[in-house]
Amino acid sequence: MLDLFTPDGVVSSPLYGERSARDFYLTLFADTAASTLTLRQILISPAAAAPTLAFWFDFDWTLADGTPAPFTVVDVAELDPDGRIRHLHIIYDTYPIRSLWDQQQRAGTAPTR
């Protein structure tokens, strides 16, 4: 996963905030029992200065404690000239899953940050 990012790649997430790609994925994987992504659409902006991709998909997420927390999301990836992700912006409404995620964090099911 990290090979998709530049060495200083960043992820901005509604639940986890802005983190290095490495820290984000280590934390996300620790908080996840299972997940399935169902792609809806890929959008491409070929602007020469900053090529950008957007991935619209359904994320069937199961938290580490076994709680289902599915949602629909758009990831916007700003790419470097070599096609690696410099900054990934994750966009979705956290309202339907925020209380489930908060509960897992308080219970200590996932590693403490």
Protein backbone atom coordinates (compact mmCIF):
# COMPACT_ATOMS: atom_id res chain seq x y z
CA MET A 1 0.00 0.00 0.00
CA LEU A 2 2.74 2.45 0.95
CA ASP A 3 4.44 1.96 -2.42
CA LEU A 4 1.55 3.94 -3.92
CA PHE A 5 2.68 7.02 -1.97
CA THR A 6 5.64 9.36 -2.14
CA PRO A 7 8.04 8.94 0.82
CA ASP A 8 6.45 12.00 2.46
CA GLY A 9 2.89 11.09 1.41
CA VAL A 10 0.06 12.34 3.60
CA VAL A 11 -3.49 11.12 4.24
CA SER A 12 -6.26 13.45 5.47
CA SER A 13 -9.12 11.49 7.03
CA PRO A 14 -12.32 12.60 8.78
CA LEU A 15 -11.76 10.11 11.63
CA TYR A 16 -7.96 10.04 11.92
CA GLY A 17 -7.01 13.59 10.95
CA GLU A 18 -3.94 14.37 8.86
CA ARG A 19 -1.15 11.80 9.18
CA SER A 20 1.71 10.35 7.23
CA ALA A 21 0.50 7.59 4.92
CA ARG A 22 2.51 5.06 6.93
CA ASP A 23 0.94 6.08 10.25
CA PHE A 24 -2.54 6.27 8.76
CA TYR A 25 -2.49 2.77 7.27
CA LEU A 26 -0.86 1.16 10.32
CA THR A 27 -3.61 2.67 12.47
CA LEU A 28 -6.43 1.88 10.04
CA PHE A 29 -5.34 -1.75 9.67
CA ALA A 30 -5.12 -2.11 13.48
CA ASP A 31 -8.69 -0.76 13.75
CA THR A 32 -10.01 -3.14 11.08
CA ALA A 33 -11.20 -6.75 11.35
CA ALA A 34 -12.29 -6.89 7.69
CA SER A 35 -13.10 -4.61 4.77
CA THR A 36 -14.41 -4.81 1.24
CA LEU A 37 -14.31 -1.99 -1.30
CA THR A 38 -16.84 -1.82 -4.12
CA LEU A 39 -15.79 0.68 -6.77
CA ARG A 40 -18.49 2.98 -8.15
CA GLN A 41 -16.43 5.32 -10.35
CA ILE A 42 -12.94 6.67 -11.05
CA LEU A 43 -12.61 10.32 -12.05
CA ILE A 44 -9.43 11.75 -13.58
CA SER A 45 -8.24 15.33 -13.83
CA PRO A 46 -5.20 15.35 -16.15
CA ALA A 47 -4.05 18.87 -15.23
CA ALA A 48 -0.34 18.96 -16.07
CA ALA A 49 0.69 20.75 -12.86
CA ALA A 50 -1.04 18.35 -10.46
CA PRO A 51 -2.77 15.27 -11.89
CA THR A 52 -5.60 14.20 -9.61
CA LEU A 53 -7.67 11.03 -9.33
CA ALA A 54 -10.90 10.55 -7.42
CA PHE A 55 -12.16 7.11 -6.40
CA TRP A 56 -15.82 6.82 -5.41
CA PHE A 57 -16.58 3.56 -3.62
CA ASP A 58 -18.57 1.75 -0.96
CA PHE A 59 -16.41 0.76 2.01
CA ASP A 60 -17.85 -2.24 3.84
CA TRP A 61 -15.78 -1.80 7.00
CA THR A 62 -15.82 -4.07 10.03
CA LEU A 63 -14.12 -2.55 13.05
CA ALA A 64 -11.57 -4.54 15.07
CA ASP A 65 -14.23 -5.33 17.68
CA GLY A 66 -16.45 -6.91 15.00
CA THR A 67 -18.88 -4.00 14.62
CA PRO A 68 -19.99 -3.34 11.01
CA ALA A 69 -19.41 0.31 10.00
CA PRO A 70 -20.10 0.61 6.25
CA PHE A 71 -20.09 3.92 4.39
CA THR A 72 -19.72 5.47 0.94
CA VAL A 73 -16.54 7.48 0.34
CA VAL A 74 -14.63 9.54 -2.19
CA ASP A 75 -10.82 9.47 -2.04
CA VAL A 76 -9.10 12.31 -3.90
CA ALA A 77 -5.47 11.56 -4.73
CA GLU A 78 -3.06 14.35 -5.64
CA LEU A 79 -0.23 12.76 -7.63
CA ASP A 80 3.41 13.61 -8.16
CA PRO A 81 4.92 13.61 -11.69
CA ASP A 82 5.73 9.87 -11.34
CA GLY A 83 2.11 9.01 -10.53
CA ARG A 84 2.60 8.39 -6.81
CA ILE A 85 0.20 9.86 -4.26
CA ARG A 86 1.46 13.02 -2.52
CA HIS A 87 -1.75 13.69 -0.61
CA LEU A 88 -4.85 11.53 -0.24
CA HIS A 89 -7.99 13.35 0.87
CA ILE A 90 -10.65 10.96 2.22
CA ILE A 91 -14.15 12.44 2.09
CA TYR A 92 -17.27 10.98 3.69
CA ASP A 93 -19.97 11.68 6.24
CA THR A 94 -18.80 10.28 9.59
CA TYR A 95 -22.17 10.70 11.30
CA PRO A 96 -23.45 7.14 10.65
CA ILE A 97 -20.27 5.50 12.03
CA ARG A 98 -18.66 8.04 14.39
CA SER A 99 -20.35 6.72 17.57
CA LEU A 100 -19.39 3.11 16.70
CA TRP A 101 -15.77 4.11 16.07
CA ASP A 102 -15.64 6.26 19.23
CA GLN A 103 -17.03 3.36 21.26
CA GLN A 104 -14.31 1.03 19.95
CA GLN A 105 -11.62 3.62 20.74
CA ARG A 106 -12.91 4.07 24.32
CA ALA A 107 -13.15 0.31 24.85
CA GLY A 108 -9.51 -0.08 23.89
CA THR A 109 -10.25 -2.75 21.28
CA ALA A 110 -7.87 -0.99 18.95
CA PRO A 111 -4.36 0.10 19.93
CA THR A 112 -4.11 3.42 21.75
CA ARG A 113 -2.74 6.31 19.74
